[in-house]
PDB file of N, CA and C in Angstrom:
ATOM      1  N   MET A   1     120.385 301.014 121.304  1.00  0.00           N
ATOM      2  CA  MET A   1     120.310 299.880 120.397  1.00  0.00           C
ATOM      3  C   MET A   1     121.284 298.782 120.827  1.00  0.00           C
ATOM      4  N   GLN A   2     121.750 298.816 121.996  1.00  0.00           N
ATOM      5  CA  GLN A   2     122.710 297.889 122.582  1.00  0.00           C
ATOM      6  C   GLN A   2     122.806 296.536 121.871  1.00  0.00           C
ATOM      7  N   GLY A   3     123.789 296.379 121.038  1.00  0.00           N
ATOM      8  CA  GLY A   3     124.050 295.098 120.400  1.00  0.00           C
ATOM      9  C   GLY A   3     123.368 294.886 119.054  1.00  0.00           C
ATOM     10  N   PHE A   4     122.503 295.781 118.637  1.00  0.00           N
ATOM     11  CA  PHE A   4     121.836 295.632 117.355  1.00  0.00           C
ATOM     12  C   PHE A   4     122.541 296.512 116.332  1.00  0.00           C
ATOM     13  N   ARG A   5     122.706 295.978 115.142  1.00  0.00           N
ATOM     14  CA  ARG A   5     123.461 296.701 114.117  1.00  0.00           C
ATOM     15  C   ARG A   5     122.653 297.786 113.424  1.00  0.00           C
ATOM     16  N   SER A   6     121.345 297.630 113.418  1.00  0.00           N
ATOM     17  CA  SER A   6     120.523 298.631 112.738  1.00  0.00           C
ATOM     18  C   SER A   6     119.181 298.760 113.452  1.00  0.00           C
ATOM     19  N   PRO A   7     118.500 299.866 113.248  1.00  0.00           N
ATOM     20  CA  PRO A   7     117.165 300.014 113.840  1.00  0.00           C
ATOM     21  C   PRO A   7     116.184 298.952 113.323  1.00  0.00           C
ATOM     22  N   GLY A   8     116.373 298.517 112.075  1.00  0.00           N
ATOM     23  CA  GLY A   8     115.493 297.488 111.509  1.00  0.00           C
ATOM     24  C   GLY A   8     115.648 296.157 112.222  1.00  0.00           C
ATOM     25  N   ALA A   9     116.881 295.795 112.564  1.00  0.00           N
ATOM     26  CA  ALA A   9     117.127 294.542 113.287  1.00  0.00           C
ATOM     27  C   ALA A   9     116.503 294.608 114.674  1.00  0.00           C
ATOM     28  N   LEU A  10     116.632 295.742 115.312  1.00  0.00           N
ATOM     29  CA  LEU A  10     116.021 295.938 116.632  1.00  0.00           C
ATOM     30  C   LEU A  10     114.504 295.824 116.531  1.00  0.00           C
ATOM     31  N   GLN A  11     113.916 296.434 115.529  1.00  0.00           N
ATOM     32  CA  GLN A  11     112.465 296.393 115.364  1.00  0.00           C
ATOM     33  C   GLN A  11     111.970 294.975 115.123  1.00  0.00           C
ATOM     34  N   ARG A  12     112.682 294.205 114.295  1.00  0.00           N
ATOM     35  CA  ARG A  12     112.284 292.813 114.053  1.00  0.00           C
ATOM     36  C   ARG A  12     112.325 292.003 115.342  1.00  0.00           C
ATOM     37  N   PHE A  13     113.386 292.176 116.120  1.00  0.00           N
ATOM     38  CA  PHE A  13     113.512 291.448 117.379  1.00  0.00           C
ATOM     39  C   PHE A  13     112.385 291.818 118.336  1.00  0.00           C
ATOM     40  N   VAL A  14     112.122 293.100 118.485  1.00  0.00           N
ATOM     41  CA  VAL A  14     111.112 293.560 119.437  1.00  0.00           C
ATOM     42  C   VAL A  14     109.725 293.068 119.042  1.00  0.00           C
ATOM     43  N   SER A  15     109.410 293.069 117.752  1.00  0.00           N
ATOM     44  CA  SER A  15     108.086 292.633 117.329  1.00  0.00           C
ATOM     45  C   SER A  15     107.869 291.149 117.614  1.00  0.00           C
ATOM     46  N   ILE A  16     108.887 290.338 117.409  1.00  0.00           N
ATOM     47  CA  ILE A  16     108.767 288.906 117.695  1.00  0.00           C
ATOM     48  C   ILE A  16     108.783 288.658 119.199  1.00  0.00           C
ATOM     49  N   PHE A  17     109.690 289.325 119.906  1.00  0.00           N
ATOM     50  CA  PHE A  17     109.823 289.124 121.340  1.00  0.00           C
ATOM     51  C   PHE A  17     108.544 289.505 122.077  1.00  0.00           C
ATOM     52  N   SER A  18     107.931 290.613 121.702  1.00  0.00           N
ATOM     53  CA  SER A  18     106.727 291.051 122.407  1.00  0.00           C
ATOM     54  C   SER A  18     105.572 290.079 122.190  1.00  0.00           C
ATOM     55  N   ALA A  19     105.461 289.526 120.989  1.00  0.00           N
ATOM     56  CA  ALA A  19     104.399 288.550 120.731  1.00  0.00           C
ATOM     57  C   ALA A  19     104.609 287.291 121.569  1.00  0.00           C
ATOM     58  N   LEU A  20     105.844 286.823 121.653  1.00  0.00           N
ATOM     59  CA  LEU A  20     106.112 285.630 122.460  1.00  0.00           C
ATOM     60  C   LEU A  20     105.922 285.913 123.946  1.00  0.00           C
ATOM     61  N   ARG A  21     106.342 287.070 124.378  1.00  0.00           N
ATOM     62  CA  ARG A  21     106.183 287.409 125.793  1.00  0.00           C
ATOM     63  C   ARG A  21     104.707 287.446 126.160  1.00  0.00           C
ATOM     64  N   ASN A  22     103.879 288.009 125.295  1.00  0.00           N
ATOM     65  CA  ASN A  22     102.443 288.069 125.566  1.00  0.00           C
ATOM     66  C   ASN A  22     101.842 286.673 125.661  1.00  0.00           C
ATOM     67  N   LEU A  23     102.395 285.724 124.942  1.00  0.00           N
ATOM     68  CA  LEU A  23     101.894 284.358 124.998  1.00  0.00           C
ATOM     69  C   LEU A  23     102.262 283.685 126.313  1.00  0.00           C
ATOM     70  N   PHE A  24     103.514 283.829 126.741  1.00  0.00           N
ATOM     71  CA  PHE A  24     104.000 283.063 127.884  1.00  0.00           C
ATOM     72  C   PHE A  24     103.803 283.731 129.241  1.00  0.00           C
ATOM     73  N   VAL A  25     103.764 285.034 129.310  1.00  0.00           N
ATOM     74  CA  VAL A  25     103.637 285.711 130.597  1.00  0.00           C
ATOM     75  C   VAL A  25     102.164 285.987 130.857  1.00  0.00           C
ATOM     76  N   PRO A  26     101.628 285.441 131.950  1.00  0.00           N
ATOM     77  CA  PRO A  26     100.208 285.669 132.235  1.00  0.00           C
ATOM     78  C   PRO A  26      99.950 287.123 132.610  1.00  0.00           C
ATOM     79  N   PRO A  27      98.728 287.582 132.407  1.00  0.00           N
ATOM     80  CA  PRO A  27      98.391 288.957 132.773  1.00  0.00           C
ATOM     81  C   PRO A  27      98.618 289.186 134.271  1.00  0.00           C
ATOM     82  N   ARG A  28      98.988 290.400 134.622  1.00  0.00           N
ATOM     83  CA  ARG A  28      99.203 290.715 136.035  1.00  0.00           C
ATOM     84  C   ARG A  28      97.856 290.827 136.745  1.00  0.00           C
ATOM     85  N   SER A  29      97.609 289.878 137.584  1.00  0.00           N
ATOM     86  CA  SER A  29      96.413 289.899 138.409  1.00  0.00           C
ATOM     87  C   SER A  29      96.669 288.942 139.560  1.00  0.00           C
ATOM     88  N   LYS A  30      95.759 288.929 140.459  1.00  0.00           N
ATOM     89  CA  LYS A  30      95.927 288.025 141.596  1.00  0.00           C
ATOM     90  C   LYS A  30      95.488 286.633 141.178  1.00  0.00           C
ATOM     91  N   ARG A  31      96.441 285.886 140.647  1.00  0.00           N
ATOM     92  CA  ARG A  31      96.188 284.513 140.222  1.00  0.00           C
ATOM     93  C   ARG A  31      96.882 283.573 141.174  1.00  0.00           C
ATOM     94  N   SER A  32      96.310 282.409 141.298  1.00  0.00           N
ATOM     95  CA  SER A  32      96.962 281.400 142.127  1.00  0.00           C
ATOM     96  C   SER A  32      98.144 280.821 141.360  1.00  0.00           C
ATOM     97  N   ALA A  33      99.015 280.165 142.075  1.00  0.00           N
ATOM     98  CA  ALA A  33     100.164 279.518 141.439  1.00  0.00           C
ATOM     99  C   ALA A  33      99.681 278.461 140.456  1.00  0.00           C
ATOM    100  N   LEU A  34      98.608 277.764 140.789  1.00  0.00           N
ATOM    101  CA  LEU A  34      98.069 276.733 139.903  1.00  0.00           C
ATOM    102  C   LEU A  34      97.554 277.346 138.606  1.00  0.00           C
ATOM    103  N   ALA A  35      96.852 278.467 138.694  1.00  0.00           N
ATOM    104  CA  ALA A  35      96.342 279.122 137.482  1.00  0.00           C
ATOM    105  C   ALA A  35      97.492 279.594 136.588  1.00  0.00           C
ATOM    106  N   THR A  36      98.555 280.119 137.200  1.00  0.00           N
ATOM    107  CA  THR A  36      99.728 280.552 136.441  1.00  0.00           C
ATOM    108  C   THR A  36     100.395 279.358 135.774  1.00  0.00           C
ATOM    109  N   HIS A  37     100.510 278.264 136.497  1.00  0.00           N
ATOM    110  CA  HIS A  37     101.120 277.051 135.950  1.00  0.00           C
ATOM    111  C   HIS A  37     100.313 276.527 134.759  1.00  0.00           C
ATOM    112  N   ILE A  38      98.999 276.499 134.889  1.00  0.00           N
ATOM    113  CA  ILE A  38      98.135 276.035 133.800  1.00  0.00           C
ATOM    114  C   ILE A  38      98.262 276.960 132.590  1.00  0.00           C
ATOM    115  N   HIS A  39      98.326 278.261 132.833  1.00  0.00           N
ATOM    116  CA  HIS A  39      98.497 279.224 131.733  1.00  0.00           C
ATOM    117  C   HIS A  39      99.787 278.921 130.965  1.00  0.00           C
ATOM    118  N   ARG A  40     100.867 278.690 131.688  1.00  0.00           N
ATOM    119  CA  ARG A  40     102.148 278.417 131.030  1.00  0.00           C
ATOM    120  C   ARG A  40     102.137 277.085 130.292  1.00  0.00           C
ATOM    121  N   LEU A  41     101.468 276.078 130.845  1.00  0.00           N
ATOM    122  CA  LEU A  41     101.351 274.796 130.139  1.00  0.00           C
ATOM    123  C   LEU A  41     100.578 274.966 128.831  1.00  0.00           C
ATOM    124  N   GLN A  42      99.502 275.731 128.871  1.00  0.00           N
ATOM    125  CA  GLN A  42      98.720 275.982 127.657  1.00  0.00           C
ATOM    126  C   GLN A  42      99.530 276.776 126.632  1.00  0.00           C
ATOM    127  N   ALA A  43     100.295 277.741 127.109  1.00  0.00           N
ATOM    128  CA  ALA A  43     101.133 278.528 126.202  1.00  0.00           C
ATOM    129  C   ALA A  43     102.176 277.649 125.540  1.00  0.00           C
ATOM    130  N   MET A  44     102.783 276.748 126.298  1.00  0.00           N
ATOM    131  CA  MET A  44     103.796 275.861 125.724  1.00  0.00           C
ATOM    132  C   MET A  44     103.165 274.914 124.711  1.00  0.00           C
ATOM    133  N   ALA A  45     101.960 274.430 124.992  1.00  0.00           N
ATOM    134  CA  ALA A  45     101.259 273.560 124.040  1.00  0.00           C
ATOM    135  C   ALA A  45     100.969 274.308 122.744  1.00  0.00           C
ATOM    136  N   GLU A  46     100.536 275.574 122.846  1.00  0.00           N
ATOM    137  CA  GLU A  46     100.294 276.383 121.642  1.00  0.00           C
ATOM    138  C   GLU A  46     101.584 276.592 120.863  1.00  0.00           C
ATOM    139  N   TRP A  47     102.670 276.895 121.588  1.00  0.00           N
ATOM    140  CA  TRP A  47     103.955 277.127 120.941  1.00  0.00           C
ATOM    141  C   TRP A  47     104.417 275.885 120.188  1.00  0.00           C
ATOM    142  N   LYS A  48     104.296 274.727 120.825  1.00  0.00           N
ATOM    143  CA  LYS A  48     104.704 273.473 120.183  1.00  0.00           C
ATOM    144  C   LYS A  48     103.862 273.196 118.942  1.00  0.00           C
ATOM    145  N   ALA A  49     102.578 273.509 119.010  1.00  0.00           N
ATOM    146  CA  ALA A  49     101.706 273.292 117.849  1.00  0.00           C
ATOM    147  C   ALA A  49     102.115 274.197 116.690  1.00  0.00           C
ATOM    148  N   VAL A  50     102.418 275.441 116.988  1.00  0.00           N
ATOM    149  CA  VAL A  50     102.809 276.396 115.937  1.00  0.00           C
ATOM    150  C   VAL A  50     104.183 276.044 115.384  1.00  0.00           C
ATOM    151  N   ALA A  51     105.114 275.670 116.267  1.00  0.00           N
ATOM    152  CA  ALA A  51     106.489 275.369 115.841  1.00  0.00           C
ATOM    153  C   ALA A  51     106.626 273.949 115.311  1.00  0.00           C
ATOM    154  N   MET A  52     105.552 273.180 115.415  1.00  0.00           N
ATOM    155  CA  MET A  52     105.552 271.777 114.967  1.00  0.00           C
ATOM    156  C   MET A  52     106.656 270.975 115.646  1.00  0.00           C
ATOM    157  N   VAL A  53     106.726 271.110 116.952  1.00  0.00           N
ATOM    158  CA  VAL A  53     107.715 270.399 117.773  1.00  0.00           C
ATOM    159  C   VAL A  53     106.959 269.404 118.624  1.00  0.00           C
ATOM    160  N   SER A  54     107.533 268.232 118.791  1.00  0.00           N
ATOM    161  CA  SER A  54     106.851 267.236 119.633  1.00  0.00           C
ATOM    162  C   SER A  54     107.389 267.257 121.036  1.00  0.00           C
TER     163      SER A  54
END
């Protein structure tokens, strides 16, 4: 639990972190650098829309 005060705090962090990681990290496959870049741009656009950040 390195650095977490309780199992509940660890669980909350992991549940949020895994959802964000799935959004930003493209699936492991043979993708071109351009496809990976486009995936990350789309992920950032989705994140900004959800977080209401300009």
